[in-house]
């Protein structure tokens, strides 16, 4: 069972190459409103996924804590797939439309966990490392953040509170069996500069 607070506010600054050489600029602040996070109904190697968050401050953002339980080992992933649906005014067959599918089948273990992916900053914090090959057991997550800069670039102009994004993630093992499958529904919101200034003065 996956458990995550219904409203998750993240404010994260992620360093980018060459940042030290640039002129200092205000910390970009974004909010992610998580509506739902759950494992798929179909059975897989991942039998439990318990993720929670603890809000810290405006500069560091929210820290993710939790664990993933893996019931059987896997040498590698044969495919990783992320399906995006865009929903307006709620989540239903009448309000959601298919947007795109990301497939990783050349080197899914490396591609899916690449530093270019917004979720890499979470995946990289698991102990033991959550990467191929996998052993059965518990993988614990400590002090992880989302790469909000990469996530906001990905959403672009569609990062507004009227849009809810539903992502279904499927990871298959080397035999084509489900290793992990979960679904997350969330909104990505850019906070106003004025609101940020008021907070900074407190």
N, C-alpha and C. Protein backbone atom coordinates (compact mmCIF):
# COMPACT_ATOMS: atom_id res chain seq x y z
N UNK A 1 0.85 -1.20 0.00
CA UNK A 1 0.00 0.00 0.00
C UNK A 1 0.88 1.24 0.00
N UNK A 2 0.51 2.25 -0.81
CA UNK A 2 1.25 3.50 -0.84
C UNK A 2 0.52 4.53 -0.02
N UNK A 3 1.23 5.30 0.77
CA UNK A 3 0.60 6.34 1.55
C UNK A 3 1.36 7.64 1.34
N UNK A 4 0.64 8.70 0.97
CA UNK A 4 1.26 10.00 0.78
C UNK A 4 0.23 11.06 1.12
N UNK A 5 0.59 12.13 1.82
CA UNK A 5 -0.37 13.18 2.15
C UNK A 5 -1.04 13.70 0.88
N UNK A 6 -2.32 14.05 0.97
CA UNK A 6 -3.06 14.51 -0.19
C UNK A 6 -2.49 15.79 -0.76
N UNK A 7 -2.04 16.68 0.10
CA UNK A 7 -1.44 17.91 -0.40
C UNK A 7 0.03 17.91 -0.05
N UNK A 8 0.88 17.87 -1.07
CA UNK A 8 2.32 17.83 -0.87
C UNK A 8 2.91 19.08 -1.48
N UNK A 9 3.51 19.94 -0.64
CA UNK A 9 4.11 21.18 -1.13
C UNK A 9 5.61 21.03 -1.14
N UNK A 10 6.18 21.19 -2.33
CA UNK A 10 7.63 21.08 -2.50
C UNK A 10 8.17 22.42 -2.93
N UNK A 11 9.29 22.83 -2.34
CA UNK A 11 9.98 24.03 -2.80
C UNK A 11 11.45 23.68 -2.87
N UNK A 12 11.98 23.50 -4.07
CA UNK A 12 13.31 22.94 -4.21
C UNK A 12 14.16 23.74 -5.18
N UNK A 13 15.40 23.99 -4.75
CA UNK A 13 16.38 24.61 -5.64
C UNK A 13 17.39 23.55 -6.01
N UNK A 14 17.58 23.32 -7.32
CA UNK A 14 18.50 22.29 -7.78
C UNK A 14 19.65 22.95 -8.51
N UNK A 15 20.87 22.68 -8.09
CA UNK A 15 22.05 23.27 -8.72
C UNK A 15 22.20 22.73 -10.13
N UNK A 16 22.61 23.60 -11.06
CA UNK A 16 22.83 23.20 -12.43
C UNK A 16 24.28 23.50 -12.80
N UNK A 17 24.82 22.82 -13.85
CA UNK A 17 26.21 23.05 -14.23
C UNK A 17 26.51 24.51 -14.47
N UNK A 18 27.61 25.00 -13.90
CA UNK A 18 28.03 26.37 -14.12
C UNK A 18 27.33 27.38 -13.25
N UNK A 19 26.52 26.92 -12.31
CA UNK A 19 25.75 27.83 -11.48
C UNK A 19 26.65 28.75 -10.66
N UNK A 20 27.76 28.22 -10.19
CA UNK A 20 28.65 29.02 -9.34
C UNK A 20 29.19 30.23 -10.07
N UNK A 21 29.30 30.11 -11.40
CA UNK A 21 29.87 31.21 -12.19
C UNK A 21 28.83 32.25 -12.56
N UNK A 22 27.53 31.94 -12.28
CA UNK A 22 26.49 32.88 -12.65
C UNK A 22 26.21 33.86 -11.51
N UNK A 23 25.54 34.94 -11.87
CA UNK A 23 25.12 35.90 -10.88
C UNK A 23 24.02 35.29 -10.02
N UNK A 24 24.04 35.56 -8.72
CA UNK A 24 23.03 35.00 -7.83
C UNK A 24 21.65 35.43 -8.27
N UNK A 25 20.71 34.52 -8.18
CA UNK A 25 19.34 34.83 -8.57
C UNK A 25 18.39 34.24 -7.54
N UNK A 26 17.14 34.75 -7.48
CA UNK A 26 16.19 34.26 -6.49
C UNK A 26 15.93 32.77 -6.65
N UNK A 27 15.70 32.11 -5.53
CA UNK A 27 15.37 30.70 -5.56
C UNK A 27 14.01 30.49 -6.21
N UNK A 28 13.93 29.67 -7.28
CA UNK A 28 12.63 29.41 -7.87
C UNK A 28 11.81 28.53 -6.93
N UNK A 29 10.55 28.89 -6.73
CA UNK A 29 9.70 28.15 -5.80
C UNK A 29 8.51 27.57 -6.56
N UNK A 30 8.31 26.29 -6.42
CA UNK A 30 7.21 25.61 -7.07
C UNK A 30 6.46 24.77 -6.04
N UNK A 31 5.23 24.48 -6.33
CA UNK A 31 4.43 23.61 -5.46
C UNK A 31 3.95 22.41 -6.25
N UNK A 32 4.02 21.25 -5.65
CA UNK A 32 3.45 20.04 -6.25
C UNK A 32 2.34 19.56 -5.34
N UNK A 33 1.16 19.48 -5.87
CA UNK A 33 0.00 19.02 -5.13
C UNK A 33 -0.27 17.57 -5.53
N UNK A 34 0.09 16.64 -4.65
CA UNK A 34 -0.08 15.22 -4.93
C UNK A 34 -1.50 14.79 -4.53
N UNK A 35 -2.26 14.31 -5.50
CA UNK A 35 -3.62 13.87 -5.23
C UNK A 35 -3.67 12.41 -4.83
N UNK A 36 -2.81 11.61 -5.42
CA UNK A 36 -2.87 10.17 -5.16
C UNK A 36 -1.56 9.51 -5.57
N UNK A 37 -1.18 8.47 -4.85
CA UNK A 37 -0.01 7.66 -5.18
C UNK A 37 -0.28 6.25 -4.71
N UNK A 38 -0.30 5.31 -5.64
CA UNK A 38 -0.67 3.94 -5.27
C UNK A 38 -0.05 2.93 -6.23
N UNK A 39 0.13 1.72 -5.71
CA UNK A 39 0.57 0.62 -6.56
C UNK A 39 -0.57 0.20 -7.46
N UNK A 40 -0.25 -0.33 -8.64
CA UNK A 40 -1.26 -0.85 -9.55
C UNK A 40 -1.87 -2.12 -8.97
N UNK A 41 -3.02 -2.49 -9.50
CA UNK A 41 -3.71 -3.68 -9.00
C UNK A 41 -2.96 -4.96 -9.38
N UNK A 42 -2.27 -4.94 -10.54
CA UNK A 42 -1.60 -6.16 -10.97
C UNK A 42 -0.40 -6.46 -10.08
N UNK A 43 -0.17 -7.73 -9.74
CA UNK A 43 0.94 -8.10 -8.86
C UNK A 43 2.29 -7.87 -9.51
N UNK A 44 3.28 -7.58 -8.67
CA UNK A 44 4.64 -7.38 -9.16
C UNK A 44 5.64 -7.76 -8.11
N UNK A 45 6.91 -7.55 -8.40
CA UNK A 45 7.96 -7.85 -7.43
C UNK A 45 7.91 -6.88 -6.25
N UNK A 46 7.49 -5.64 -6.51
CA UNK A 46 7.34 -4.66 -5.44
C UNK A 46 5.98 -4.89 -4.78
N UNK A 47 5.98 -5.31 -3.53
CA UNK A 47 4.75 -5.65 -2.83
C UNK A 47 4.26 -4.55 -1.90
N UNK A 48 5.13 -3.60 -1.57
CA UNK A 48 4.71 -2.49 -0.71
C UNK A 48 5.57 -1.28 -1.04
N UNK A 49 4.95 -0.11 -0.93
CA UNK A 49 5.64 1.14 -1.25
C UNK A 49 5.05 2.21 -0.33
N UNK A 50 5.80 2.60 0.66
CA UNK A 50 5.31 3.54 1.67
C UNK A 50 6.20 4.78 1.64
N UNK A 51 5.68 5.86 1.08
CA UNK A 51 6.44 7.09 0.94
C UNK A 51 5.71 8.23 1.66
N UNK A 52 6.42 8.96 2.49
CA UNK A 52 5.87 10.14 3.15
C UNK A 52 6.83 11.30 2.96
N UNK A 53 6.42 12.50 3.36
CA UNK A 53 7.28 13.66 3.19
C UNK A 53 7.26 14.52 4.43
N UNK A 54 8.38 15.23 4.62
CA UNK A 54 8.50 16.16 5.74
C UNK A 54 8.97 17.49 5.19
N UNK A 55 8.15 18.53 5.31
CA UNK A 55 8.51 19.84 4.76
C UNK A 55 9.59 20.47 5.63
N UNK A 56 10.63 21.00 4.99
CA UNK A 56 11.72 21.62 5.75
C UNK A 56 11.65 23.14 5.62
N UNK A 57 12.19 23.69 4.55
CA UNK A 57 12.13 25.14 4.38
C UNK A 57 12.06 25.49 2.89
N UNK A 58 11.95 26.77 2.60
CA UNK A 58 11.73 27.22 1.23
C UNK A 58 12.91 26.92 0.31
N UNK A 59 14.11 26.89 0.86
CA UNK A 59 15.29 26.68 0.04
C UNK A 59 15.58 25.20 -0.21
N UNK A 60 15.39 24.38 0.81
CA UNK A 60 15.71 22.96 0.66
C UNK A 60 14.51 22.16 0.16
N UNK A 61 13.29 22.62 0.46
CA UNK A 61 12.12 21.92 -0.02
C UNK A 61 11.69 20.80 0.90
N UNK A 62 10.86 19.92 0.36
CA UNK A 62 10.36 18.78 1.12
C UNK A 62 11.29 17.59 0.99
N UNK A 63 11.44 16.86 2.07
CA UNK A 63 12.26 15.65 2.07
C UNK A 63 11.34 14.43 2.06
N UNK A 64 11.61 13.52 1.14
CA UNK A 64 10.84 12.29 1.05
C UNK A 64 11.49 11.21 1.92
N UNK A 65 10.66 10.47 2.63
CA UNK A 65 11.11 9.37 3.47
C UNK A 65 10.22 8.17 3.19
N UNK A 66 10.75 6.97 3.37
CA UNK A 66 9.91 5.79 3.20
C UNK A 66 10.70 4.56 2.80
N UNK A 67 10.01 3.63 2.16
CA UNK A 67 10.67 2.39 1.75
C UNK A 67 9.89 1.72 0.62
N UNK A 68 10.58 0.82 -0.06
CA UNK A 68 9.99 -0.04 -1.08
C UNK A 68 10.39 -1.48 -0.74
N UNK A 69 9.43 -2.39 -0.72
CA UNK A 69 9.71 -3.81 -0.46
C UNK A 69 9.70 -4.58 -1.77
N UNK A 70 10.78 -5.30 -2.05
CA UNK A 70 10.91 -6.12 -3.26
C UNK A 70 10.88 -7.59 -2.85
N UNK A 71 9.96 -8.37 -3.43
CA UNK A 71 9.77 -9.76 -3.01
C UNK A 71 10.64 -10.76 -3.76
N UNK A 72 11.06 -10.41 -4.99
CA UNK A 72 11.90 -11.33 -5.75
C UNK A 72 12.97 -10.56 -6.50
N UNK A 73 14.13 -11.16 -6.69
CA UNK A 73 15.25 -10.45 -7.35
C UNK A 73 15.00 -10.27 -8.85
N UNK A 74 15.76 -9.37 -9.43
CA UNK A 74 15.71 -9.13 -10.88
C UNK A 74 17.09 -8.70 -11.33
N UNK A 75 17.57 -9.28 -12.42
CA UNK A 75 18.87 -8.90 -12.95
C UNK A 75 18.84 -7.53 -13.60
N UNK A 76 17.72 -7.24 -14.27
CA UNK A 76 17.61 -5.97 -14.98
C UNK A 76 16.16 -5.71 -15.32
N UNK A 77 15.90 -4.50 -15.82
CA UNK A 77 14.60 -4.18 -16.38
C UNK A 77 14.66 -4.38 -17.89
N UNK A 78 13.65 -5.01 -18.45
CA UNK A 78 13.60 -5.17 -19.91
C UNK A 78 12.91 -3.97 -20.55
N UNK A 79 12.04 -3.30 -19.79
CA UNK A 79 11.38 -2.10 -20.30
C UNK A 79 10.88 -1.25 -19.13
N UNK A 80 10.98 0.05 -19.30
CA UNK A 80 10.39 1.01 -18.37
C UNK A 80 9.48 1.91 -19.19
N UNK A 81 8.28 2.13 -18.70
CA UNK A 81 7.30 2.92 -19.46
C UNK A 81 6.57 3.88 -18.53
N UNK A 82 6.43 5.13 -18.98
CA UNK A 82 5.68 6.14 -18.24
C UNK A 82 4.62 6.70 -19.17
N UNK A 83 3.35 6.56 -18.79
CA UNK A 83 2.23 7.06 -19.59
C UNK A 83 1.65 8.30 -18.90
N UNK A 84 1.55 9.40 -19.66
CA UNK A 84 1.05 10.67 -19.13
C UNK A 84 -0.37 10.94 -19.62
N UNK A 85 -1.26 11.29 -18.68
CA UNK A 85 -2.59 11.77 -19.03
C UNK A 85 -2.77 13.16 -18.43
N UNK A 86 -3.39 14.03 -19.17
CA UNK A 86 -3.65 15.40 -18.74
C UNK A 86 -5.14 15.54 -18.41
N UNK A 87 -5.43 16.00 -17.19
CA UNK A 87 -6.82 16.08 -16.74
C UNK A 87 -7.19 17.51 -16.39
N UNK A 88 -8.39 17.93 -16.79
CA UNK A 88 -8.90 19.26 -16.48
C UNK A 88 -10.20 19.12 -15.69
N UNK A 89 -10.26 19.77 -14.52
CA UNK A 89 -11.49 19.75 -13.73
C UNK A 89 -11.78 18.43 -13.04
N UNK A 90 -10.75 17.72 -12.65
CA UNK A 90 -10.97 16.44 -11.97
C UNK A 90 -10.35 15.29 -12.75
N UNK A 91 -10.46 14.09 -12.17
CA UNK A 91 -9.88 12.91 -12.80
C UNK A 91 -11.00 11.92 -13.15
N UNK A 92 -11.30 11.81 -14.43
CA UNK A 92 -12.31 10.88 -14.91
C UNK A 92 -12.10 10.66 -16.40
N UNK A 93 -12.84 9.72 -16.96
CA UNK A 93 -12.72 9.45 -18.39
C UNK A 93 -13.19 10.64 -19.23
N UNK A 94 -14.02 11.49 -18.64
CA UNK A 94 -14.55 12.65 -19.36
C UNK A 94 -13.63 13.87 -19.28
N UNK A 95 -12.75 13.90 -18.29
CA UNK A 95 -11.92 15.10 -18.08
C UNK A 95 -10.44 14.87 -18.39
N UNK A 96 -10.05 13.64 -18.67
CA UNK A 96 -8.64 13.32 -18.91
C UNK A 96 -8.41 12.94 -20.36
N UNK A 97 -7.26 13.34 -20.87
CA UNK A 97 -6.88 12.96 -22.22
C UNK A 97 -5.45 12.44 -22.22
N UNK A 98 -5.21 11.47 -23.11
CA UNK A 98 -3.86 10.92 -23.25
C UNK A 98 -2.93 11.99 -23.79
N UNK A 99 -1.74 12.09 -23.20
CA UNK A 99 -0.78 13.10 -23.64
C UNK A 99 0.43 12.48 -24.33
N UNK A 100 1.10 11.55 -23.67
CA UNK A 100 2.29 10.95 -24.28
C UNK A 100 2.72 9.71 -23.50
N UNK A 101 3.64 8.97 -24.10
CA UNK A 101 4.23 7.79 -23.47
C UNK A 101 5.74 7.85 -23.64
N UNK A 102 6.44 7.67 -22.54
CA UNK A 102 7.89 7.54 -22.58
C UNK A 102 8.23 6.07 -22.44
N UNK A 103 9.00 5.53 -23.38
CA UNK A 103 9.45 4.13 -23.32
C UNK A 103 10.97 4.09 -23.23
N UNK A 104 11.46 3.27 -22.34
CA UNK A 104 12.89 3.06 -22.19
C UNK A 104 13.13 1.56 -22.38
N UNK A 105 13.64 1.17 -23.55
CA UNK A 105 13.84 -0.26 -23.80
C UNK A 105 15.21 -0.60 -24.38
N UNK A 106 16.05 0.41 -24.58
CA UNK A 106 17.41 0.14 -25.02
C UNK A 106 18.31 -0.19 -23.82
N UNK A 107 18.24 0.65 -22.83
CA UNK A 107 18.98 0.44 -21.58
C UNK A 107 18.13 1.03 -20.45
N UNK A 108 16.98 0.39 -20.17
CA UNK A 108 16.04 0.97 -19.20
C UNK A 108 16.62 1.20 -17.82
N UNK A 109 17.53 0.35 -17.38
CA UNK A 109 18.13 0.54 -16.06
C UNK A 109 18.89 1.86 -15.99
N UNK A 110 19.58 2.20 -17.06
CA UNK A 110 20.35 3.43 -17.07
C UNK A 110 19.54 4.64 -17.48
N UNK A 111 18.64 4.46 -18.47
CA UNK A 111 17.86 5.58 -18.99
C UNK A 111 16.86 6.10 -17.96
N UNK A 112 16.14 5.18 -17.32
CA UNK A 112 15.09 5.58 -16.39
C UNK A 112 15.65 6.29 -15.16
N UNK A 113 16.86 5.91 -14.76
CA UNK A 113 17.47 6.50 -13.57
C UNK A 113 18.52 7.55 -13.92
N UNK A 114 18.52 8.01 -15.16
CA UNK A 114 19.48 9.03 -15.60
C UNK A 114 19.31 10.32 -14.82
N UNK A 115 20.41 11.07 -14.61
CA UNK A 115 20.32 12.38 -13.95
C UNK A 115 19.42 13.37 -14.69
N UNK A 116 19.10 13.08 -15.95
CA UNK A 116 18.23 13.95 -16.72
C UNK A 116 16.76 13.81 -16.32
N UNK A 117 16.43 12.72 -15.64
CA UNK A 117 15.06 12.48 -15.23
C UNK A 117 14.74 13.25 -13.94
N UNK A 118 13.57 13.90 -13.84
CA UNK A 118 13.22 14.68 -12.64
C UNK A 118 13.22 13.87 -11.36
N UNK A 119 12.92 12.57 -11.47
CA UNK A 119 12.83 11.72 -10.28
C UNK A 119 14.17 11.11 -9.88
N UNK A 120 15.24 11.39 -10.64
CA UNK A 120 16.55 10.82 -10.31
C UNK A 120 17.01 11.20 -8.91
N UNK A 121 16.68 12.42 -8.46
CA UNK A 121 17.12 12.87 -7.15
C UNK A 121 16.45 12.09 -6.02
N UNK A 122 15.32 11.42 -6.33
CA UNK A 122 14.70 10.53 -5.35
C UNK A 122 15.32 9.14 -5.45
N UNK A 123 15.39 8.62 -6.66
CA UNK A 123 15.94 7.27 -6.87
C UNK A 123 17.35 7.14 -6.30
N UNK A 124 18.14 8.18 -6.44
CA UNK A 124 19.54 8.15 -6.00
C UNK A 124 19.71 8.09 -4.49
N UNK A 125 18.65 8.33 -3.74
CA UNK A 125 18.75 8.38 -2.28
C UNK A 125 18.37 7.08 -1.57
N UNK A 126 18.00 6.06 -2.32
CA UNK A 126 17.63 4.79 -1.69
C UNK A 126 18.87 4.05 -1.18
N UNK A 127 18.69 3.37 -0.05
CA UNK A 127 19.70 2.48 0.50
C UNK A 127 19.06 1.13 0.82
N UNK A 128 19.64 0.01 0.31
CA UNK A 128 20.73 -0.03 -0.66
C UNK A 128 20.31 0.65 -1.97
N UNK A 129 21.24 0.91 -2.88
CA UNK A 129 20.91 1.60 -4.13
C UNK A 129 19.79 0.91 -4.90
N UNK A 130 18.81 1.70 -5.34
CA UNK A 130 17.66 1.15 -6.07
C UNK A 130 18.00 1.14 -7.56
N UNK A 131 18.80 0.15 -7.94
CA UNK A 131 19.24 0.03 -9.33
C UNK A 131 19.54 -1.42 -9.66
N UNK A 132 19.64 -1.72 -10.95
CA UNK A 132 19.92 -3.08 -11.40
C UNK A 132 21.35 -3.49 -11.02
N UNK A 133 21.54 -4.78 -10.66
CA UNK A 133 20.52 -5.81 -10.41
C UNK A 133 19.87 -5.63 -9.04
N UNK A 134 18.64 -6.10 -8.90
CA UNK A 134 17.90 -5.94 -7.66
C UNK A 134 17.89 -7.23 -6.85
N UNK A 135 18.03 -7.09 -5.55
CA UNK A 135 17.89 -8.21 -4.64
C UNK A 135 16.56 -8.06 -3.91
N UNK A 136 16.03 -9.17 -3.44
CA UNK A 136 14.82 -9.11 -2.64
C UNK A 136 15.15 -8.43 -1.31
N UNK A 137 14.22 -7.65 -0.79
CA UNK A 137 14.45 -6.98 0.48
C UNK A 137 13.84 -5.60 0.51
N UNK A 138 14.18 -4.84 1.52
CA UNK A 138 13.64 -3.49 1.71
C UNK A 138 14.65 -2.43 1.28
N UNK A 139 14.19 -1.47 0.50
CA UNK A 139 15.01 -0.35 0.05
C UNK A 139 14.48 0.90 0.77
N UNK A 140 15.34 1.53 1.55
CA UNK A 140 14.91 2.63 2.41
C UNK A 140 15.29 3.97 1.80
N UNK A 141 14.36 4.92 1.87
CA UNK A 141 14.55 6.25 1.30
C UNK A 141 14.74 7.27 2.42
N UNK A 142 15.82 8.06 2.33
CA UNK A 142 16.11 9.09 3.33
C UNK A 142 16.39 10.42 2.65
N UNK A 143 15.75 11.49 3.13
CA UNK A 143 16.11 12.86 2.75
C UNK A 143 16.23 13.07 1.24
N UNK A 144 15.23 12.63 0.50
CA UNK A 144 15.25 12.79 -0.96
C UNK A 144 14.36 13.95 -1.38
N UNK A 145 14.72 14.63 -2.46
CA UNK A 145 13.92 15.72 -3.01
C UNK A 145 13.66 15.47 -4.48
N UNK A 146 12.61 16.09 -5.00
CA UNK A 146 12.34 16.07 -6.43
C UNK A 146 13.16 17.17 -7.10
N UNK A 147 13.58 16.91 -8.33
CA UNK A 147 14.28 17.93 -9.11
C UNK A 147 13.22 18.85 -9.71
N UNK A 148 12.84 19.89 -8.96
CA UNK A 148 11.75 20.75 -9.36
C UNK A 148 12.10 21.60 -10.58
N UNK A 149 13.37 21.92 -10.75
CA UNK A 149 13.78 22.70 -11.91
C UNK A 149 13.55 21.90 -13.19
N UNK A 150 13.95 20.63 -13.18
CA UNK A 150 13.75 19.78 -14.35
C UNK A 150 12.26 19.51 -14.57
N UNK A 151 11.53 19.33 -13.49
CA UNK A 151 10.10 19.05 -13.59
C UNK A 151 9.33 20.23 -14.16
N UNK A 152 9.70 21.44 -13.75
CA UNK A 152 9.01 22.62 -14.26
C UNK A 152 9.34 22.86 -15.73
N UNK A 153 10.58 22.56 -16.13
CA UNK A 153 10.93 22.69 -17.54
C UNK A 153 10.13 21.70 -18.38
N UNK A 154 9.93 20.52 -17.84
CA UNK A 154 9.18 19.49 -18.55
C UNK A 154 7.72 19.91 -18.73
N UNK A 155 7.12 20.48 -17.70
CA UNK A 155 5.71 20.89 -17.77
C UNK A 155 5.52 22.14 -18.62
N UNK A 156 6.49 23.05 -18.59
CA UNK A 156 6.39 24.27 -19.38
C UNK A 156 5.18 25.11 -19.03
N UNK A 157 4.44 25.54 -20.05
CA UNK A 157 3.28 26.40 -19.85
C UNK A 157 2.12 25.66 -19.19
N UNK A 158 2.19 24.35 -19.16
CA UNK A 158 1.09 23.58 -18.59
C UNK A 158 1.27 23.33 -17.10
N UNK A 159 2.19 24.04 -16.48
CA UNK A 159 2.37 23.96 -15.03
C UNK A 159 1.41 24.94 -14.37
N UNK A 160 0.15 24.59 -14.33
CA UNK A 160 -0.83 25.44 -13.66
C UNK A 160 -1.81 24.58 -12.87
N UNK A 161 -2.46 25.19 -11.91
CA UNK A 161 -3.25 24.45 -10.94
C UNK A 161 -4.54 23.86 -11.51
N UNK A 162 -4.91 24.24 -12.73
CA UNK A 162 -6.11 23.68 -13.34
C UNK A 162 -5.86 22.33 -14.01
N UNK A 163 -4.59 21.97 -14.14
CA UNK A 163 -4.24 20.71 -14.79
C UNK A 163 -3.74 19.70 -13.76
N UNK A 164 -4.32 18.52 -13.77
CA UNK A 164 -3.82 17.42 -12.96
C UNK A 164 -3.18 16.40 -13.89
N UNK A 165 -1.95 16.04 -13.61
CA UNK A 165 -1.23 15.05 -14.41
C UNK A 165 -1.33 13.69 -13.74
N UNK A 166 -1.73 12.69 -14.51
CA UNK A 166 -1.79 11.32 -14.03
C UNK A 166 -0.71 10.53 -14.75
N UNK A 167 0.23 9.99 -13.99
CA UNK A 167 1.34 9.21 -14.55
C UNK A 167 1.23 7.77 -14.08
N UNK A 168 1.30 6.85 -15.04
CA UNK A 168 1.36 5.43 -14.71
C UNK A 168 2.74 4.91 -15.10
N UNK A 169 3.45 4.34 -14.14
CA UNK A 169 4.82 3.87 -14.36
C UNK A 169 4.85 2.35 -14.31
N UNK A 170 5.33 1.72 -15.38
CA UNK A 170 5.47 0.26 -15.47
C UNK A 170 6.93 -0.11 -15.65
N UNK A 171 7.43 -0.98 -14.80
CA UNK A 171 8.80 -1.48 -14.91
C UNK A 171 8.75 -3.00 -14.98
N UNK A 172 9.25 -3.58 -16.08
CA UNK A 172 9.25 -5.03 -16.27
C UNK A 172 10.65 -5.60 -16.09
N UNK A 173 10.72 -6.82 -15.53
CA UNK A 173 12.03 -7.45 -15.33
C UNK A 173 12.50 -8.13 -16.60
N UNK A 174 13.64 -8.84 -16.51
CA UNK A 174 14.26 -9.43 -17.69
C UNK A 174 13.40 -10.53 -18.32
N UNK A 175 12.42 -11.06 -17.58
CA UNK A 175 11.52 -12.08 -18.11
C UNK A 175 10.21 -11.50 -18.61
N UNK A 176 10.09 -10.19 -18.59
CA UNK A 176 8.87 -9.55 -19.03
C UNK A 176 7.78 -9.51 -17.98
N UNK A 177 8.11 -9.91 -16.75
CA UNK A 177 7.13 -9.87 -15.66
C UNK A 177 7.13 -8.48 -15.03
N UNK A 178 6.01 -8.12 -14.43
CA UNK A 178 5.92 -6.82 -13.76
C UNK A 178 6.87 -6.80 -12.56
N UNK A 179 7.77 -5.85 -12.56
CA UNK A 179 8.65 -5.65 -11.41
C UNK A 179 8.01 -4.62 -10.47
N UNK A 180 7.61 -3.49 -11.03
CA UNK A 180 6.95 -2.46 -10.24
C UNK A 180 5.98 -1.70 -11.13
N UNK A 181 4.81 -1.40 -10.60
CA UNK A 181 3.82 -0.61 -11.32
C UNK A 181 3.11 0.28 -10.31
N UNK A 182 3.11 1.59 -10.59
CA UNK A 182 2.39 2.50 -9.70
C UNK A 182 1.83 3.68 -10.49
N UNK A 183 0.89 4.36 -9.89
CA UNK A 183 0.25 5.51 -10.50
C UNK A 183 0.27 6.68 -9.55
N UNK A 184 0.54 7.86 -10.09
CA UNK A 184 0.57 9.08 -9.28
C UNK A 184 -0.22 10.16 -10.01
N UNK A 185 -1.01 10.91 -9.25
CA UNK A 185 -1.76 12.04 -9.79
C UNK A 185 -1.30 13.31 -9.06
N UNK A 186 -0.93 14.34 -9.82
CA UNK A 186 -0.36 15.53 -9.19
C UNK A 186 -0.56 16.77 -10.06
N UNK A 187 -0.50 17.92 -9.41
CA UNK A 187 -0.49 19.21 -10.11
C UNK A 187 0.85 19.90 -9.85
N UNK A 188 1.36 20.58 -10.84
CA UNK A 188 2.58 21.36 -10.69
C UNK A 188 2.23 22.83 -10.79
N UNK A 189 2.52 23.59 -9.73
CA UNK A 189 2.10 24.99 -9.65
C UNK A 189 3.31 25.89 -9.41
N UNK A 190 3.40 26.97 -10.18
CA UNK A 190 4.43 27.98 -9.95
C UNK A 190 3.86 29.03 -9.00
N UNK A 191 4.56 29.29 -7.90
CA UNK A 191 4.11 30.28 -6.93
C UNK A 191 4.52 31.68 -7.38
N UNK A 192 3.75 32.69 -6.99
CA UNK A 192 4.01 34.05 -7.42
C UNK A 192 5.24 34.63 -6.74
N UNK A 193 5.93 35.54 -7.40
CA UNK A 193 7.12 36.18 -6.85
C UNK A 193 6.79 37.00 -5.62
N UNK A 194 5.62 37.67 -5.60
CA UNK A 194 5.24 38.49 -4.46
C UNK A 194 5.07 37.64 -3.21
N UNK A 195 4.45 36.47 -3.40
CA UNK A 195 4.26 35.58 -2.25
C UNK A 195 5.59 35.14 -1.71
N UNK A 196 6.54 34.89 -2.62
CA UNK A 196 7.87 34.44 -2.20
C UNK A 196 8.55 35.53 -1.38
N UNK A 197 8.43 36.80 -1.84
CA UNK A 197 9.09 37.90 -1.15
C UNK A 197 8.57 38.07 0.25
N UNK A 198 7.26 37.92 0.42
CA UNK A 198 6.67 38.07 1.74
C UNK A 198 7.18 36.97 2.68
N UNK A 199 7.29 35.76 2.13
CA UNK A 199 7.77 34.66 2.96
C UNK A 199 9.21 34.87 3.37
N UNK A 200 10.01 35.41 2.44
CA UNK A 200 11.43 35.57 2.70
C UNK A 200 11.67 36.58 3.82
N UNK A 201 10.74 37.56 3.99
CA UNK A 201 10.92 38.58 5.00
C UNK A 201 10.54 38.12 6.39
N UNK A 202 9.79 36.99 6.45
CA UNK A 202 9.36 36.52 7.76
C UNK A 202 10.50 35.93 8.56
